[in-house]
């Protein structure tokens, strides 16, 4: 019954997003406003315990006041390192006077960890906030009050202050799907739009733990492996910012996950070979890895080699350590990545003239997936279905082929603390003007919530049936199966998602990060 209180808020948020997206589809090519957000707040737990939570958010503006996107919360203070949630958010920013604005948010998420079953219940998170925003020369500061609740048998119900920082930027977008190709644009003012380079990679890290390190229960901490994804944006040809997420999929630390953000410097060695150094900070834990409050630091050194003008491989050595416990690990990693975008050719007046742009079709899906029993002993709690809420991001390499990254967390089924991160690929085929089918193959990490995922590595196959509502929106129903590689977990997976399609345009003026291109 408590879920019924959620429905009006969810319906209002989805209607607002749908109306705004529909109005966006009228425009062909335009600059869209985006924002990177981060904030800190401390949640009150039973028995006088507190848990400091760091938020990482990404928002797109729809109209002058409304925005929507995704947020992840990760514990960085207290005793619950590894408590992580993920979900969708909608917000309003309304100017009051001068540099001051009123802001309000609604967040619907799922997750848990580090005692998450007792704290988070089924895992569903509702968060509401209201506050003030003050505009700075670069970005804005936020301060306000928030309320969090885990209504599916969770015990966390907390009111607190938050403080945050928001960094806006603009990106050149087209509504809906278009064939990949080239488009020439002129007259873009770089005070509003500044072309940059970006990189997306999937990676594996082997975490070699130091001697004497123990788990949170006092046992010997064994080495383990994590798999995840990383996004990097270059602010100059040398300096970059990045964010990554990864989860355990080898060893005895299933359920471990981290979210880290930071920046670094890239030094060219040859036209195809680069050396990178980076520093990141964030939250992580779970899987009995003793990270204390969850605050983690990470330093790395890597060599990056471009196979061609877009694809690259990267080998790295890094050190990751917890701020409040003795946990530390040397890690050795491998990445396969793709570079997009470029620093455009400009004149002295900082205006783009006849610049060649490349289309990058993207799709964002807000999804609910239901797991049902497909084998005995698939979970070690009462046999009931598990509902998961999450976000899926797809990049269409061709109109019929896409790469996908997906993150979900449990919100019902007494599986609070279960989370999964999956990477894979899909094939898409239109069947009529407004309908299509898709096949997906995925693999990644999953753990927590009493689901018997063994070392944490899982694979999943999906069959999707979609209906195109308009140029930008579609509804997708799916059926699939998910299985652990060396555990008893095996489930039927039923999904329903609302998908939002758009094209990101990036400059094509360079083939390599620091070198002018040769003619094709």
Protein backbone atom coordinates (compact mmCIF):
# COMPACT_ATOMS: atom_id res chain seq x y z
CA UNK A 1 0.00 0.00 0.00
CA UNK A 2 2.85 2.38 0.70
CA UNK A 3 3.87 2.09 -2.95
CA UNK A 4 0.57 3.71 -3.94
CA UNK A 5 1.82 6.97 -2.43
CA UNK A 6 4.65 6.92 -4.95
CA UNK A 7 2.47 6.62 -8.06
CA UNK A 8 1.16 10.22 -8.27
CA UNK A 9 4.70 11.62 -7.97
CA UNK A 10 6.03 9.17 -10.56
CA UNK A 11 3.18 9.91 -12.98
CA UNK A 12 3.67 13.68 -12.66
CA UNK A 13 7.42 13.33 -13.23
CA UNK A 14 6.97 11.11 -16.30
CA UNK A 15 4.30 13.39 -17.79
CA UNK A 16 6.57 16.40 -17.33
CA UNK A 17 9.50 14.59 -18.94
CA UNK A 18 7.33 13.33 -21.82
CA UNK A 19 5.85 16.76 -22.58
CA UNK A 20 9.27 18.40 -22.47
CA UNK A 21 10.87 15.73 -24.66
CA UNK A 22 8.01 15.95 -27.15
CA UNK A 23 8.52 19.70 -27.47
CA UNK A 24 12.25 19.09 -27.95
CA UNK A 25 11.57 16.85 -30.97
CA UNK A 26 10.27 19.87 -32.93
CA UNK A 27 13.81 21.27 -33.17
CA UNK A 28 16.22 19.68 -35.61
CA UNK A 29 19.62 20.72 -34.31
CA UNK A 30 20.17 22.86 -31.23
CA UNK A 31 22.38 23.48 -28.24
CA UNK A 32 20.99 21.71 -25.18
CA UNK A 33 21.83 22.61 -21.59
CA UNK A 34 23.29 19.91 -19.34
CA UNK A 35 24.65 19.87 -15.82
CA UNK A 36 26.99 17.74 -13.74
CA UNK A 37 26.00 17.76 -10.08
CA UNK A 38 27.53 16.59 -6.82
CA UNK A 39 26.36 17.00 -3.23
CA UNK A 40 26.92 15.71 0.29
CA UNK A 41 24.44 14.92 3.06
CA UNK A 42 24.42 12.75 6.18
CA UNK A 43 21.58 10.24 6.65
CA UNK A 44 20.44 9.34 10.18
CA UNK A 45 20.24 5.58 10.82
CA UNK A 46 18.76 3.68 13.80
CA UNK A 47 20.61 3.61 17.12
CA UNK A 48 22.26 6.97 16.59
CA UNK A 49 24.34 5.90 13.57
CA UNK A 50 24.92 8.28 10.66
CA UNK A 51 26.03 7.67 7.09
CA UNK A 52 27.57 10.39 4.92
CA UNK A 53 26.39 10.13 1.31
CA UNK A 54 28.01 11.61 -1.79
CA UNK A 55 25.77 12.19 -4.81
CA UNK A 56 26.90 12.15 -8.44
CA UNK A 57 24.28 13.43 -10.88
CA UNK A 58 23.79 14.16 -14.58
CA UNK A 59 20.88 16.31 -15.79
CA UNK A 60 19.44 17.57 -19.06
CA UNK A 61 17.32 20.74 -19.13
CA UNK A 62 13.87 20.57 -20.73
CA UNK A 63 12.68 24.14 -21.03
CA UNK A 64 13.83 27.07 -18.85
CA UNK A 65 13.08 25.52 -15.44
CA UNK A 66 12.68 21.73 -15.67
CA UNK A 67 15.47 19.13 -15.72
CA UNK A 68 15.71 15.34 -15.54
CA UNK A 69 18.48 12.76 -15.35
CA UNK A 70 20.14 10.14 -13.18
CA UNK A 71 21.70 10.21 -9.71
CA UNK A 72 23.94 7.78 -7.83
CA UNK A 73 24.47 7.95 -4.06
CA UNK A 74 27.48 6.30 -2.40
CA UNK A 75 28.49 6.15 1.26
CA UNK A 76 31.77 7.90 2.11
CA UNK A 77 31.46 8.43 5.89
CA UNK A 78 30.38 6.24 8.81
CA UNK A 79 30.49 2.43 8.86
CA UNK A 80 28.60 1.49 5.69
CA UNK A 81 31.11 1.66 2.84
CA UNK A 82 29.50 -0.01 -0.16
CA UNK A 83 26.01 1.36 0.45
CA UNK A 84 25.17 2.59 -3.08
CA UNK A 85 21.94 3.49 -4.86
CA UNK A 86 21.06 4.43 -8.44
CA UNK A 87 17.95 5.97 -9.94
CA UNK A 88 16.15 8.68 -11.91
CA UNK A 89 15.55 12.28 -10.87
CA UNK A 90 13.45 15.25 -11.95
CA UNK A 91 13.98 18.79 -10.75
CA UNK A 92 12.94 22.43 -10.96
CA UNK A 93 15.18 25.52 -10.84
CA UNK A 94 13.30 28.83 -10.59
CA UNK A 95 15.04 32.23 -10.44
CA UNK A 96 14.24 34.43 -7.43
CA UNK A 97 16.48 37.49 -7.55
CA UNK A 98 19.92 38.29 -8.89
CA UNK A 99 22.13 35.21 -8.62
CA UNK A 100 19.71 33.36 -6.31
CA UNK A 101 17.33 30.58 -7.45
CA UNK A 102 14.97 28.10 -5.80
CA UNK A 103 15.62 24.41 -6.56
CA UNK A 104 13.54 21.30 -5.86
CA UNK A 105 14.13 17.63 -6.69
CA UNK A 106 12.34 14.28 -6.72
CA UNK A 107 14.49 11.13 -6.89
CA UNK A 108 13.32 7.52 -7.26
CA UNK A 109 16.11 4.99 -6.85
CA UNK A 110 17.08 1.54 -5.64
CA UNK A 111 19.99 -0.17 -3.95
CA UNK A 112 21.65 -0.64 -0.59
CA UNK A 113 24.64 -2.57 0.70
CA UNK A 114 26.68 -3.20 3.87
CA UNK A 115 23.73 -4.31 5.95
CA UNK A 116 21.42 -3.16 3.20
CA UNK A 117 18.76 -5.80 3.81
CA UNK A 118 18.19 -4.60 7.35
CA UNK A 119 18.53 -0.91 6.46
CA UNK A 120 17.00 -0.67 2.99
CA UNK A 121 14.43 -3.49 3.06
CA UNK A 122 13.43 -4.17 -0.53
CA UNK A 123 15.77 -1.38 -1.67
CA UNK A 124 13.34 1.28 -2.98
CA UNK A 125 14.57 4.84 -2.23
CA UNK A 126 12.48 8.01 -2.35
CA UNK A 127 14.23 11.35 -1.90
CA UNK A 128 12.73 14.83 -2.00
CA UNK A 129 14.64 18.08 -1.58
CA UNK A 130 14.18 21.82 -1.64
CA UNK A 131 16.88 24.45 -1.42
CA UNK A 132 18.57 27.56 -2.74
CA UNK A 133 21.11 27.87 -5.53
CA UNK A 134 23.66 30.70 -5.84
CA UNK A 135 25.26 31.37 -9.21
CA UNK A 136 29.08 31.60 -9.34
CA UNK A 137 31.29 32.72 -12.25
CA UNK A 138 31.75 29.00 -12.97
CA UNK A 139 28.86 26.80 -11.87
CA UNK A 140 26.66 27.25 -8.81
CA UNK A 141 26.48 26.29 -5.12
CA UNK A 142 23.42 24.64 -3.58
CA UNK A 143 22.23 24.33 0.02
CA UNK A 144 18.93 22.99 1.30
CA UNK A 145 16.94 20.29 3.06
CA UNK A 146 16.31 16.74 1.86
CA UNK A 147 14.19 13.83 3.02
CA UNK A 148 14.96 10.17 2.30
CA UNK A 149 12.77 7.12 2.85
CA UNK A 150 13.10 3.40 2.05
CA UNK A 151 9.37 2.51 2.04
CA UNK A 152 9.62 -1.22 1.25
CA UNK A 153 10.31 -2.41 4.83
CA UNK A 154 13.42 -0.27 5.16
CA UNK A 155 14.32 1.52 8.39
CA UNK A 156 16.06 4.59 6.95
CA UNK A 157 13.83 7.65 7.26
CA UNK A 158 15.89 10.77 7.55
CA UNK A 159 15.70 14.54 7.19
CA UNK A 160 18.95 16.46 6.73
CA UNK A 161 20.75 19.39 5.15
CA UNK A 162 22.69 19.06 1.90
CA UNK A 163 25.38 21.13 0.22
CA UNK A 164 26.32 20.79 -3.43
CA UNK A 165 28.00 22.12 -6.55
CA UNK A 166 26.61 22.19 -10.09
CA UNK A 167 28.64 22.56 -13.29
CA UNK A 168 26.64 23.45 -16.43
CA UNK A 169 27.68 22.85 -20.03
CA UNK A 170 26.09 22.85 -23.48
CA UNK A 171 26.07 20.10 -26.08
CA UNK A 172 24.92 20.06 -29.70
CA UNK A 173 21.98 17.67 -30.12
CA UNK A 174 19.45 16.43 -32.66
CA UNK A 175 16.14 14.93 -31.57
CA UNK A 176 15.40 11.30 -32.28
CA UNK A 177 17.27 8.83 -34.47
CA UNK A 178 19.06 9.78 -37.67
CA UNK A 179 21.44 7.70 -39.79
CA UNK A 180 25.07 8.09 -38.80
CA UNK A 181 26.89 10.46 -41.11
CA UNK A 182 28.34 13.95 -41.53
CA UNK A 183 26.77 17.38 -41.19
CA UNK A 184 28.34 20.79 -41.81
CA UNK A 185 27.39 23.60 -39.43
CA UNK A 186 28.56 27.22 -39.24
CA UNK A 187 28.20 30.18 -36.94
CA UNK A 188 28.33 28.33 -33.59
CA UNK A 189 29.49 30.72 -30.85
CA UNK A 190 32.12 28.95 -28.75
CA UNK A 191 31.09 31.02 -25.74
CA UNK A 192 28.00 28.80 -25.73
CA UNK A 193 29.37 25.65 -27.32
CA UNK A 194 32.94 24.49 -26.87
CA UNK A 195 33.77 21.25 -28.74
CA UNK A 196 35.69 18.73 -26.67
CA UNK A 197 37.04 15.23 -26.91
CA UNK A 198 35.48 12.37 -24.97
CA UNK A 199 36.34 8.73 -24.36
CA UNK A 200 34.26 5.77 -23.23
CA UNK A 201 35.89 2.51 -22.19
CA UNK A 202 35.13 -0.82 -20.59
CA UNK A 203 37.77 -2.15 -18.27
CA UNK A 204 38.88 -5.03 -16.06
CA UNK A 205 40.97 -4.56 -12.93
CA UNK A 206 42.76 -7.26 -10.96
CA UNK A 207 42.78 -6.09 -7.33
CA UNK A 208 45.88 -7.44 -5.55
CA UNK A 209 45.31 -6.90 -1.85
CA UNK A 210 48.18 -6.22 0.56
CA UNK A 211 49.17 -8.79 3.19
CA UNK A 212 47.46 -8.51 6.54
CA UNK A 213 44.32 -6.89 5.13
CA UNK A 214 41.14 -8.39 6.62
CA UNK A 215 37.49 -8.41 5.64
CA UNK A 216 34.87 -6.61 7.69
CA UNK A 217 34.25 -9.90 9.54
CA UNK A 218 37.93 -10.40 10.39
CA UNK A 219 38.82 -12.99 7.73
CA UNK A 220 41.68 -12.77 5.25
CA UNK A 221 40.87 -10.47 2.33
CA UNK A 222 41.60 -12.34 -0.89
CA UNK A 223 42.47 -10.82 -4.25
CA UNK A 224 39.50 -10.13 -6.52
CA UNK A 225 38.70 -8.75 -9.96
CA UNK A 226 36.32 -5.95 -10.96
CA UNK A 227 34.70 -5.06 -14.28
CA UNK A 228 33.23 -1.71 -15.20
CA UNK A 229 33.07 1.35 -17.44
CA UNK A 230 34.70 4.78 -17.54
CA UNK A 231 33.84 8.13 -19.15
CA UNK A 232 36.53 10.76 -19.75
CA UNK A 233 36.21 14.35 -21.05
CA UNK A 234 39.16 16.51 -22.14
CA UNK A 235 39.00 20.17 -21.11
CA UNK A 236 42.25 20.89 -23.00
CA UNK A 237 44.32 18.60 -25.22
CA UNK A 238 46.15 17.47 -22.05
CA UNK A 239 43.88 17.85 -18.98
CA UNK A 240 40.81 15.66 -18.44
CA UNK A 241 38.10 14.75 -15.95
CA UNK A 242 36.71 11.24 -15.59
CA UNK A 243 34.21 9.07 -13.71
CA UNK A 244 34.12 5.27 -13.44
CA UNK A 245 32.02 2.55 -11.88
CA UNK A 246 32.98 -1.09 -11.37
CA UNK A 247 31.79 -4.19 -9.52
CA UNK A 248 33.36 -7.46 -8.40
CA UNK A 249 33.08 -10.40 -10.81
CA UNK A 250 35.99 -12.64 -9.69
CA UNK A 251 37.05 -13.88 -6.25
CA UNK A 252 35.07 -13.99 -3.01
CA UNK A 253 34.00 -10.35 -2.88
CA UNK A 254 30.74 -10.41 -4.86
CA UNK A 255 28.69 -7.35 -4.04
CA UNK A 256 31.71 -5.03 -3.98
CA UNK A 257 31.19 -1.87 -6.05
CA UNK A 258 32.81 1.54 -6.36
CA UNK A 259 32.04 4.88 -8.02
CA UNK A 260 35.06 7.17 -8.43
CA UNK A 261 35.54 10.59 -10.03
CA UNK A 262 38.56 12.78 -10.62
CA UNK A 263 40.94 13.99 -13.27
CA UNK A 264 44.38 13.72 -14.75
CA UNK A 265 46.93 14.63 -17.39
CA UNK A 266 47.83 13.01 -20.72
CA UNK A 267 51.31 13.23 -22.25
CA UNK A 268 51.82 12.34 -25.95
CA UNK A 269 54.76 10.01 -26.60
CA UNK A 270 54.14 9.34 -30.29
CA UNK A 271 51.23 10.00 -32.65
CA UNK A 272 49.48 6.87 -31.38
CA UNK A 273 50.92 6.33 -27.90
CA UNK A 274 50.12 8.35 -24.77
CA UNK A 275 50.93 8.21 -21.07
CA UNK A 276 48.19 9.12 -18.59
CA UNK A 277 48.25 9.83 -14.88
CA UNK A 278 45.08 10.35 -12.82
CA UNK A 279 43.77 10.86 -9.30
CA UNK A 280 40.22 9.87 -8.33
CA UNK A 281 38.14 9.88 -5.15
CA UNK A 282 34.73 8.40 -4.38
CA UNK A 283 32.88 5.71 -2.50
CA UNK A 284 32.94 1.93 -2.54
CA UNK A 285 32.71 -1.29 -0.57
CA UNK A 286 30.43 -4.26 -0.03
CA UNK A 287 31.25 -7.91 -0.57
CA UNK A 288 32.86 -7.94 2.91
CA UNK A 289 35.64 -5.63 1.66
CA UNK A 290 36.43 -3.49 4.71
CA UNK A 291 36.35 0.08 3.40
CA UNK A 292 34.95 1.56 6.62
CA UNK A 293 32.86 4.61 5.80
CA UNK A 294 33.47 3.97 2.09
CA UNK A 295 35.72 6.88 1.11
CA UNK A 296 38.29 5.63 -1.43
CA UNK A 297 41.29 7.21 -3.15
CA UNK A 298 42.81 5.97 -6.39
CA UNK A 299 45.98 6.95 -8.27
CA UNK A 300 46.95 5.45 -11.62
CA UNK A 301 49.54 5.48 -14.40
CA UNK A 302 48.68 4.05 -17.81
CA UNK A 303 49.79 3.68 -21.42
CA UNK A 304 47.16 4.30 -24.10
CA UNK A 305 47.62 3.08 -27.67
CA UNK A 306 45.29 4.05 -30.54
CA UNK A 307 44.54 1.17 -32.92
CA UNK A 308 43.02 3.70 -35.35
CA UNK A 309 41.62 7.22 -35.09
CA UNK A 310 38.83 6.14 -32.70
CA UNK A 311 39.54 2.80 -30.98
CA UNK A 312 42.27 2.34 -28.37
CA UNK A 313 43.60 -0.05 -25.74
CA UNK A 314 45.00 0.97 -22.37
CA UNK A 315 47.06 -0.90 -19.77
CA UNK A 316 47.38 0.58 -16.29
CA UNK A 317 48.82 0.16 -12.82
CA UNK A 318 47.03 1.85 -9.93
CA UNK A 319 46.77 1.96 -6.19
CA UNK A 320 43.44 2.22 -4.38
CA UNK A 321 43.06 2.66 -0.64
CA UNK A 322 40.39 3.41 1.98
CA UNK A 323 40.56 6.61 3.99
CA UNK A 324 39.32 5.11 7.29
CA UNK A 325 40.60 1.49 7.32
CA UNK A 326 43.84 -0.34 6.42
CA UNK A 327 42.34 -1.62 3.15
CA UNK A 328 44.65 -1.01 0.19
CA UNK A 329 45.25 -2.71 -3.12
CA UNK A 330 47.52 -2.51 -6.12
CA UNK A 331 45.51 -3.06 -9.26
CA UNK A 332 46.47 -3.87 -12.83
CA UNK A 333 43.98 -3.10 -15.53
CA UNK A 334 43.13 -3.33 -19.21
CA UNK A 335 40.72 -1.07 -21.14
CA UNK A 336 39.14 -1.15 -24.56
CA UNK A 337 37.87 2.30 -25.47
CA UNK A 338 36.35 4.55 -28.12
CA UNK A 339 37.12 8.24 -28.65
CA UNK A 340 34.57 10.71 -29.98
CA UNK A 341 34.58 14.43 -30.53
CA UNK A 342 37.39 16.87 -31.22
CA UNK A 343 38.62 20.38 -30.59
CA UNK A 344 37.09 22.18 -33.58
CA UNK A 345 38.96 24.48 -35.93
CA UNK A 346 38.00 28.07 -35.06
CA UNK A 347 38.85 31.61 -36.12
CA UNK A 348 40.10 34.36 -33.84
CA UNK A 349 36.56 35.42 -33.03
CA UNK A 350 35.86 31.98 -31.52
CA UNK A 351 33.19 31.02 -34.03
CA UNK A 352 32.92 27.67 -35.83
CA UNK A 353 32.97 28.02 -39.64
CA UNK A 354 31.74 25.20 -41.88
CA UNK A 355 32.76 22.59 -39.32
CA UNK A 356 32.30 18.91 -40.12
CA UNK A 357 30.25 17.20 -37.38
CA UNK A 358 29.62 13.51 -36.76
CA UNK A 359 26.37 12.05 -35.47
CA UNK A 360 26.32 9.78 -32.37
CA UNK A 361 22.86 8.21 -31.89
CA UNK A 362 22.18 7.62 -28.19
CA UNK A 363 19.31 6.08 -26.24
CA UNK A 364 18.58 6.35 -22.52
CA UNK A 365 16.20 3.85 -20.94
CA UNK A 366 14.53 4.07 -17.52
CA UNK A 367 13.74 0.41 -16.82
CA UNK A 368 12.07 -1.90 -14.34
CA UNK A 369 13.11 -5.57 -14.49
CA UNK A 370 11.49 -8.41 -12.56
CA UNK A 371 13.46 -11.56 -11.72
CA UNK A 372 11.50 -14.80 -11.24
CA UNK A 373 12.85 -18.19 -10.18
CA UNK A 374 14.51 -20.29 -12.91
CA UNK A 375 16.45 -22.71 -10.67
CA UNK A 376 16.51 -24.01 -7.11
CA UNK A 377 18.62 -22.13 -4.57
CA UNK A 378 18.73 -19.04 -6.79
CA UNK A 379 18.58 -16.94 -3.60
CA UNK A 380 19.11 -17.61 0.09
CA UNK A 381 16.07 -15.71 1.35
CA UNK A 382 12.37 -16.59 1.02
CA UNK A 383 11.58 -17.52 -2.57
CA UNK A 384 9.93 -14.43 -4.04
CA UNK A 385 10.31 -12.28 -7.14
CA UNK A 386 12.79 -9.40 -7.18
CA UNK A 387 12.02 -6.07 -8.89
CA UNK A 388 14.93 -3.88 -10.03
CA UNK A 389 15.00 -0.24 -11.08
CA UNK A 390 17.77 1.09 -13.29
CA UNK A 391 19.14 3.00 -16.24
CA UNK A 392 20.33 1.63 -19.60
CA UNK A 393 22.46 3.69 -22.01
CA UNK A 394 22.85 2.61 -25.64
CA UNK A 395 25.20 3.86 -28.37
CA UNK A 396 24.20 2.97 -31.94
CA UNK A 397 27.34 2.16 -33.91
CA UNK A 398 25.02 1.47 -36.86
CA UNK A 399 21.22 1.82 -37.10
CA UNK A 400 20.94 -1.94 -36.55
CA UNK A 401 23.78 -2.48 -34.00
CA UNK A 402 24.37 -0.86 -30.61
CA UNK A 403 26.60 -1.11 -27.56
CA UNK A 404 24.94 -0.89 -24.14
CA UNK A 405 25.75 -0.30 -20.49
CA UNK A 406 23.16 -1.03 -17.81
CA UNK A 407 22.99 -0.48 -14.04
CA UNK A 408 20.13 -1.69 -11.81
CA UNK A 409 19.34 -2.10 -8.12
CA UNK A 410 16.62 -4.07 -6.30
CA UNK A 411 13.59 -2.21 -4.93
CA UNK A 412 11.25 -5.07 -3.90
CA UNK A 413 11.52 -8.74 -2.93
CA UNK A 414 13.53 -8.33 0.30
CA UNK A 415 16.65 -7.99 -1.85
CA UNK A 416 17.89 -4.56 -0.76
CA UNK A 417 21.65 -4.27 -1.48
CA UNK A 418 21.43 -6.25 -4.73
CA UNK A 419 22.95 -4.34 -7.65
CA UNK A 420 24.17 -5.25 -11.09
CA UNK A 421 26.25 -3.54 -13.76
CA UNK A 422 26.18 -5.05 -17.26
CA UNK A 423 27.91 -4.33 -20.56
CA UNK A 424 27.07 -5.78 -23.95
CA UNK A 425 25.68 -5.32 -27.43
CA UNK A 426 22.39 -5.53 -29.27
CA UNK A 427 20.87 -5.96 -32.73
CA UNK A 428 17.84 -3.89 -33.77
CA UNK A 429 15.38 -4.56 -36.59
CA UNK A 430 12.33 -2.48 -37.51
CA UNK A 431 9.23 -4.63 -38.13
CA UNK A 432 6.73 -1.88 -39.05
CA UNK A 433 6.86 1.93 -39.19
CA UNK A 434 6.48 2.19 -35.40
CA UNK A 435 7.58 -1.21 -34.08
CA UNK A 436 10.92 -2.98 -33.72
CA UNK A 437 12.56 -6.00 -32.10
CA UNK A 438 15.99 -6.32 -30.51
CA UNK A 439 18.34 -9.04 -29.30
CA UNK A 440 20.82 -8.25 -26.49
CA UNK A 441 23.80 -10.16 -25.07
CA UNK A 442 25.25 -8.87 -21.78
CA UNK A 443 27.83 -9.76 -19.15
CA UNK A 444 29.05 -8.07 -16.00
CA UNK A 445 28.96 -8.09 -12.21
CA UNK A 446 26.08 -8.68 -9.79
CA UNK A 447 25.79 -9.36 -6.08
CA UNK A 448 24.15 -8.63 -2.75
CA UNK A 449 20.57 -8.98 -1.57
CA UNK A 450 20.87 -12.72 -0.93
CA UNK A 451 21.03 -13.66 -4.62
CA UNK A 452 23.51 -16.52 -5.08
CA UNK A 453 25.71 -15.04 -7.81
CA UNK A 454 28.89 -16.94 -6.84
CA UNK A 455 31.97 -14.81 -7.57
CA UNK A 456 29.70 -12.11 -9.01
CA UNK A 457 30.13 -12.66 -12.75
CA UNK A 458 26.82 -13.02 -14.64
CA UNK A 459 25.56 -13.10 -18.20
CA UNK A 460 22.16 -12.19 -19.61
CA UNK A 461 20.28 -12.44 -22.91
CA UNK A 462 17.20 -10.33 -23.76
CA UNK A 463 14.56 -10.22 -26.48
CA UNK A 464 13.03 -6.74 -26.71
CA UNK A 465 9.77 -5.62 -28.34
CA UNK A 466 9.48 -1.86 -28.91
CA UNK A 467 6.87 0.67 -29.99
CA UNK A 468 7.90 4.16 -31.18
CA UNK A 469 5.64 6.76 -29.53
CA UNK A 470 7.20 9.70 -31.40
CA UNK A 471 10.55 10.77 -32.75
CA UNK A 472 12.15 10.81 -29.31
CA UNK A 473 10.20 8.37 -27.11
CA UNK A 474 9.52 4.64 -27.24
CA UNK A 475 8.17 1.92 -24.95
CA UNK A 476 10.07 -1.38 -24.77
CA UNK A 477 8.94 -4.69 -23.24
CA UNK A 478 11.49 -7.48 -22.86
CA UNK A 479 12.02 -11.06 -21.80
CA UNK A 480 15.37 -12.62 -20.97
CA UNK A 481 17.34 -14.90 -18.73
CA UNK A 482 20.20 -14.09 -16.37
CA UNK A 483 22.65 -16.63 -14.92
CA UNK A 484 25.71 -16.62 -12.71
CA UNK A 485 28.80 -18.24 -14.20
CA UNK A 486 29.69 -20.15 -11.01
CA UNK A 487 26.73 -19.71 -8.67
CA UNK A 488 23.19 -21.07 -8.31
CA UNK A 489 21.55 -17.85 -9.43
CA UNK A 490 19.38 -18.28 -12.55
CA UNK A 491 16.33 -16.11 -13.24
CA UNK A 492 13.74 -15.27 -15.85
CA UNK A 493 13.87 -11.51 -16.49
CA UNK A 494 10.80 -9.47 -17.51
CA UNK A 495 11.37 -5.80 -18.31
CA UNK A 496 9.50 -2.63 -19.20
CA UNK A 497 11.29 0.62 -20.09
CA UNK A 498 10.65 4.15 -21.30
CA UNK A 499 13.35 5.09 -23.83
CA UNK A 500 14.54 8.53 -24.94
CA UNK A 501 16.48 8.83 -28.23
CA UNK A 502 18.71 11.67 -29.45
CA UNK A 503 21.83 12.36 -31.49
CA UNK A 504 24.94 13.98 -30.05
CA UNK A 505 27.01 15.88 -32.61
CA UNK A 506 30.80 16.02 -32.25
CA UNK A 507 33.44 17.81 -34.33
CA UNK A 508 35.53 15.71 -36.73
CA UNK A 509 38.51 18.01 -37.16
CA UNK A 510 41.15 15.63 -35.74
CA UNK A 511 42.04 11.99 -36.13
CA UNK A 512 44.25 11.70 -33.04
CA UNK A 513 44.07 13.71 -29.82
CA UNK A 514 46.95 16.10 -30.59
CA UNK A 515 47.55 15.77 -34.32
CA UNK A 516 45.90 17.24 -37.41
CA UNK A 517 44.26 14.56 -39.56
CA UNK A 518 45.54 13.22 -42.82
CA UNK A 519 43.06 13.39 -45.69
CA UNK A 520 40.67 10.45 -45.93
